Amino acid sequence: MTRDSGLRTHDSAGGQGLQVMSDAIMEILEHGKTLAVVGLSSKAARPSHGVAAFMQSHGYRIIPVNPHEGSVLGEKAYASLDEVPEPFDVVVIFRRSEFVPEVVEAAIRKQAKVIWMQEGVIHEQAAERARGAGLTVVMDRCILKEHAKRFVTGGI
């Protein structure tokens, strides 16, 4: 996966290195197979749990990041991204927007490739900081819905 500086619009002249947002998302979904899910809950009724379970059932490795959990979906949970001992590709954020900057800083330290802010999670300054550090940023989109649009027959 390339370390794109962010999602870009398509250059109609077939320009160099520019991507349609959906192409960038497709690249993330095809190549970013290890997801550190910040705010993942063991409560099945929580959106984070349903989304992570769906992604896990479609071949993604889930690393739960939540200081209040011991394990989720059969995987050991970590209190923070900094405590995760293995590499991960995508940081999926299920936290309120005010917590995004600290998650982005940890993702940069851990050399993640992508910051994915779920629906309703928006933080422009943190997104710019991530892009400036070479991470691709997806904001205010559901990774489950984006996966289903591209890979699941009939959508969700």
C-alpha atoms as a PDB file:
ATOM      1  CA  MET A   1       0.000   0.000   0.000  1.00  0.00           C
ATOM      2  CA  THR A   2       1.359   3.380  -0.887  1.00  0.00           C
ATOM      3  CA  ARG A   3       1.767   6.023   1.777  1.00  0.00           C
ATOM      4  CA  ASP A   4      -0.489   8.523   0.049  1.00  0.00           C
ATOM      5  CA  SER A   5      -0.650  11.947   1.673  1.00  0.00           C
ATOM      6  CA  GLY A   6      -4.429  11.731   1.702  1.00  0.00           C
ATOM      7  CA  LEU A   7      -7.353  10.922  -0.523  1.00  0.00           C
ATOM      8  CA  ARG A   8      -7.393  12.920  -3.728  1.00  0.00           C
ATOM      9  CA  THR A   9      -9.684  13.584  -6.618  1.00  0.00           C
ATOM     10  CA  HIS A  10      -9.135  12.001 -10.015  1.00  0.00           C
ATOM     11  CA  ASP A  11      -7.223  13.887 -12.673  1.00  0.00           C
ATOM     12  CA  SER A  12      -9.392  13.544 -15.790  1.00  0.00           C
ATOM     13  CA  ALA A  13      -6.308  13.854 -18.000  1.00  0.00           C
ATOM     14  CA  GLY A  14      -4.944  10.628 -16.528  1.00  0.00           C
ATOM     15  CA  GLY A  15      -2.478  12.542 -14.382  1.00  0.00           C
ATOM     16  CA  GLN A  16       0.363  11.188 -12.336  1.00  0.00           C
ATOM     17  CA  GLY A  17      -0.450   9.550  -9.014  1.00  0.00           C
ATOM     18  CA  LEU A  18      -3.869  11.079  -8.453  1.00  0.00           C
ATOM     19  CA  GLN A  19      -6.595   8.750  -7.221  1.00  0.00           C
ATOM     20  CA  VAL A  20     -10.336   8.775  -6.991  1.00  0.00           C
ATOM     21  CA  MET A  21     -11.379   8.520  -3.337  1.00  0.00           C
ATOM     22  CA  SER A  22     -13.055   5.168  -3.972  1.00  0.00           C
ATOM     23  CA  ASP A  23      -9.825   3.855  -5.522  1.00  0.00           C
ATOM     24  CA  ALA A  24      -7.878   4.895  -2.408  1.00  0.00           C
ATOM     25  CA  ILE A  25     -10.466   3.194  -0.199  1.00  0.00           C
ATOM     26  CA  MET A  26     -10.293   0.083  -2.378  1.00  0.00           C
ATOM     27  CA  GLU A  27      -6.508   0.052  -1.967  1.00  0.00           C
ATOM     28  CA  ILE A  28      -6.856   0.376   1.815  1.00  0.00           C
ATOM     29  CA  LEU A  29      -9.380  -2.452   1.975  1.00  0.00           C
ATOM     30  CA  GLU A  30      -7.353  -4.729  -0.295  1.00  0.00           C
ATOM     31  CA  HIS A  31      -3.970  -4.177   1.349  1.00  0.00           C
ATOM     32  CA  GLY A  32      -4.626  -3.001   4.910  1.00  0.00           C
ATOM     33  CA  LYS A  33      -5.419  -6.357   6.478  1.00  0.00           C
ATOM     34  CA  THR A  34      -4.458  -5.583  10.088  1.00  0.00           C
ATOM     35  CA  LEU A  35      -6.835  -3.162  11.806  1.00  0.00           C
ATOM     36  CA  ALA A  36      -6.127  -1.625  15.203  1.00  0.00           C
ATOM     37  CA  VAL A  37      -9.638  -0.691  16.340  1.00  0.00           C
ATOM     38  CA  VAL A  38      -9.497   2.120  18.908  1.00  0.00           C
ATOM     39  CA  GLY A  39     -12.552   2.113  21.152  1.00  0.00           C
ATOM     40  CA  LEU A  40     -13.554  -1.462  20.326  1.00  0.00           C
ATOM     41  CA  SER A  41     -16.113  -2.707  22.844  1.00  0.00           C
ATOM     42  CA  SER A  42     -16.929  -6.272  23.859  1.00  0.00           C
ATOM     43  CA  LYS A  43     -20.610  -5.248  24.026  1.00  0.00           C
ATOM     44  CA  ALA A  44     -22.251  -6.792  20.970  1.00  0.00           C
ATOM     45  CA  ALA A  45     -24.782  -3.956  20.706  1.00  0.00           C
ATOM     46  CA  ARG A  46     -22.054  -1.332  20.183  1.00  0.00           C
ATOM     47  CA  PRO A  47     -21.293  -0.282  16.595  1.00  0.00           C
ATOM     48  CA  SER A  48     -17.571  -0.868  17.135  1.00  0.00           C
ATOM     49  CA  HIS A  49     -18.223  -4.512  17.976  1.00  0.00           C
ATOM     50  CA  GLY A  50     -20.467  -5.143  14.978  1.00  0.00           C
ATOM     51  CA  VAL A  51     -18.120  -3.453  12.545  1.00  0.00           C
ATOM     52  CA  ALA A  52     -15.030  -5.233  13.884  1.00  0.00           C
ATOM     53  CA  ALA A  53     -16.813  -8.613  13.884  1.00  0.00           C
ATOM     54  CA  PHE A  54     -17.851  -8.070  10.253  1.00  0.00           C
ATOM     55  CA  MET A  55     -14.331  -7.108   9.204  1.00  0.00           C
ATOM     56  CA  GLN A  56     -12.865 -10.068  11.115  1.00  0.00           C
ATOM     57  CA  SER A  57     -15.309 -12.420   9.372  1.00  0.00           C
ATOM     58  CA  HIS A  58     -14.031 -11.064   6.048  1.00  0.00           C
ATOM     59  CA  GLY A  59     -10.395 -11.919   6.724  1.00  0.00           C
ATOM     60  CA  TYR A  60      -9.082  -8.877   8.561  1.00  0.00           C
ATOM     61  CA  ARG A  61      -6.938  -9.202  11.679  1.00  0.00           C
ATOM     62  CA  ILE A  62      -8.491  -7.166  14.471  1.00  0.00           C
ATOM     63  CA  ILE A  63      -6.396  -5.678  17.277  1.00  0.00           C
ATOM     64  CA  PRO A  64      -8.684  -4.263  19.989  1.00  0.00           C
ATOM     65  CA  VAL A  65      -7.482  -1.029  21.604  1.00  0.00           C
ATOM     66  CA  ASN A  66      -9.478  -0.157  24.709  1.00  0.00           C
ATOM     67  CA  PRO A  67      -8.147   0.234  28.279  1.00  0.00           C
ATOM     68  CA  HIS A  68     -11.411  -1.186  29.664  1.00  0.00           C
ATOM     69  CA  GLU A  69     -11.238  -4.521  27.817  1.00  0.00           C
ATOM     70  CA  GLY A  70      -9.125  -7.642  28.342  1.00  0.00           C
ATOM     71  CA  SER A  71     -10.032  -9.241  25.043  1.00  0.00           C
ATOM     72  CA  VAL A  72     -12.581  -8.707  22.293  1.00  0.00           C
ATOM     73  CA  LEU A  73     -13.537 -11.055  19.461  1.00  0.00           C
ATOM     74  CA  GLY A  74     -11.006 -13.596  20.691  1.00  0.00           C
ATOM     75  CA  GLU A  75      -8.119 -11.098  20.470  1.00  0.00           C
ATOM     76  CA  LYS A  76      -6.091  -9.627  23.335  1.00  0.00           C
ATOM     77  CA  ALA A  77      -6.974  -5.981  23.909  1.00  0.00           C
ATOM     78  CA  TYR A  78      -4.396  -3.264  24.525  1.00  0.00           C
ATOM     79  CA  ALA A  79      -4.871  -0.105  26.573  1.00  0.00           C
ATOM     80  CA  SER A  80      -3.370   2.116  23.857  1.00  0.00           C
ATOM     81  CA  LEU A  81      -1.864   1.955  20.381  1.00  0.00           C
ATOM     82  CA  ASP A  82       1.571   2.435  21.945  1.00  0.00           C
ATOM     83  CA  GLU A  83       1.161  -0.885  23.795  1.00  0.00           C
ATOM     84  CA  VAL A  84       0.389  -2.936  20.672  1.00  0.00           C
ATOM     85  CA  PRO A  85       3.527  -5.062  20.132  1.00  0.00           C
ATOM     86  CA  GLU A  86       2.978  -5.859  16.456  1.00  0.00           C
ATOM     87  CA  PRO A  87       2.612  -3.740  13.323  1.00  0.00           C
ATOM     88  CA  PHE A  88      -0.806  -2.739  12.015  1.00  0.00           C
ATOM     89  CA  ASP A  89      -1.871  -1.071   8.778  1.00  0.00           C
ATOM     90  CA  VAL A  90      -5.049   0.813   9.583  1.00  0.00           C
ATOM     91  CA  VAL A  91      -6.161   2.581  12.766  1.00  0.00           C
ATOM     92  CA  VAL A  92      -9.968   2.558  12.876  1.00  0.00           C
ATOM     93  CA  ILE A  93     -11.226   5.155  15.344  1.00  0.00           C
ATOM     94  CA  PHE A  94     -14.445   4.652  17.330  1.00  0.00           C
ATOM     95  CA  ARG A  95     -13.814   7.520  19.765  1.00  0.00           C
ATOM     96  CA  ARG A  96     -15.319  10.971  20.018  1.00  0.00           C
ATOM     97  CA  SER A  97     -13.652  13.541  17.799  1.00  0.00           C
ATOM     98  CA  GLU A  98     -11.889  15.324  20.676  1.00  0.00           C
ATOM     99  CA  PHE A  99      -9.815  12.165  21.285  1.00  0.00           C
ATOM    100  CA  VAL A 100      -8.624  11.869  17.677  1.00  0.00           C
ATOM    101  CA  PRO A 101      -5.427  13.995  17.969  1.00  0.00           C
ATOM    102  CA  GLU A 102      -3.899  11.711  20.615  1.00  0.00           C
ATOM    103  CA  VAL A 103      -4.817   8.635  18.543  1.00  0.00           C
ATOM    104  CA  VAL A 104      -3.228  10.195  15.453  1.00  0.00           C
ATOM    105  CA  GLU A 105      -0.014  10.978  17.351  1.00  0.00           C
ATOM    106  CA  ALA A 106       0.200   7.359  18.555  1.00  0.00           C
ATOM    107  CA  ALA A 107      -0.515   6.070  15.026  1.00  0.00           C
ATOM    108  CA  ILE A 108       2.330   8.209  13.692  1.00  0.00           C
ATOM    109  CA  ARG A 109       4.701   6.866  16.376  1.00  0.00           C
ATOM    110  CA  LYS A 110       3.663   3.288  15.516  1.00  0.00           C
ATOM    111  CA  GLN A 111       4.119   3.904  11.765  1.00  0.00           C
ATOM    112  CA  ALA A 112       0.548   3.088  10.776  1.00  0.00           C
ATOM    113  CA  LYS A 113      -0.326   3.674   7.142  1.00  0.00           C
ATOM    114  CA  VAL A 114      -3.959   4.775   7.458  1.00  0.00           C
ATOM    115  CA  ILE A 115      -6.178   6.679   9.872  1.00  0.00           C
ATOM    116  CA  TRP A 116      -9.839   5.720   9.410  1.00  0.00           C
ATOM    117  CA  MET A 117     -12.317   7.857  11.355  1.00  0.00           C
ATOM    118  CA  GLN A 118     -15.712   6.177  11.518  1.00  0.00           C
ATOM    119  CA  GLU A 119     -18.980   7.942  10.698  1.00  0.00           C
ATOM    120  CA  GLY A 120     -19.455  10.996  12.868  1.00  0.00           C
ATOM    121  CA  VAL A 121     -15.758  11.176  13.779  1.00  0.00           C
ATOM    122  CA  ILE A 122     -14.284  14.340  12.269  1.00  0.00           C
ATOM    123  CA  HIS A 123     -11.155  16.249  13.223  1.00  0.00           C
ATOM    124  CA  GLU A 124      -9.658  18.362  10.433  1.00  0.00           C
ATOM    125  CA  GLN A 125      -6.477  19.397  12.283  1.00  0.00           C
ATOM    126  CA  ALA A 126      -5.662  15.811  13.264  1.00  0.00           C
ATOM    127  CA  ALA A 127      -6.331  14.718   9.683  1.00  0.00           C
ATOM    128  CA  GLU A 128      -3.889  17.341   8.398  1.00  0.00           C
ATOM    129  CA  ARG A 129      -1.295  16.268  10.972  1.00  0.00           C
ATOM    130  CA  ALA A 130      -1.671  12.633   9.845  1.00  0.00           C
ATOM    131  CA  ARG A 131      -1.420  13.550   6.158  1.00  0.00           C
ATOM    132  CA  GLY A 132       1.647  15.662   6.893  1.00  0.00           C
ATOM    133  CA  ALA A 133       3.250  12.594   8.475  1.00  0.00           C
ATOM    134  CA  GLY A 134       2.517  10.541   5.354  1.00  0.00           C
ATOM    135  CA  LEU A 135      -0.617   8.680   6.456  1.00  0.00           C
ATOM    136  CA  THR A 136      -3.701   8.282   4.323  1.00  0.00           C
ATOM    137  CA  VAL A 137      -6.813   9.619   6.050  1.00  0.00           C
ATOM    138  CA  VAL A 138     -10.435   8.555   5.692  1.00  0.00           C
ATOM    139  CA  MET A 139     -12.865  10.631   7.739  1.00  0.00           C
ATOM    140  CA  ASP A 140     -16.550  10.265   8.597  1.00  0.00           C
ATOM    141  CA  ARG A 141     -17.005   6.948   6.744  1.00  0.00           C
ATOM    142  CA  CYS A 142     -17.888   3.478   7.946  1.00  0.00           C
ATOM    143  CA  ILE A 143     -15.286   0.853   7.031  1.00  0.00           C
ATOM    144  CA  LEU A 144     -17.967  -1.881   7.070  1.00  0.00           C
ATOM    145  CA  LYS A 145     -20.184   0.027   4.618  1.00  0.00           C
ATOM    146  CA  GLU A 146     -17.244   0.824   2.345  1.00  0.00           C
ATOM    147  CA  HIS A 147     -16.182  -2.839   2.366  1.00  0.00           C
ATOM    148  CA  ALA A 148     -19.726  -4.046   1.696  1.00  0.00           C
ATOM    149  CA  LYS A 149     -20.131  -1.655  -1.265  1.00  0.00           C
ATOM    150  CA  ARG A 150     -17.073  -3.148  -2.919  1.00  0.00           C
ATOM    151  CA  PHE A 151     -16.939  -6.796  -1.904  1.00  0.00           C
ATOM    152  CA  VAL A 152     -20.263  -8.092  -0.593  1.00  0.00           C
ATOM    153  CA  THR A 153     -22.809  -9.130  -3.197  1.00  0.00           C
ATOM    154  CA  GLY A 154     -25.974  -7.091  -2.655  1.00  0.00           C
ATOM    155  CA  GLY A 155     -24.245  -4.731  -0.152  1.00  0.00           C
ATOM    156  CA  ILE A 156     -25.279  -4.861   3.489  1.00  0.00           C
END
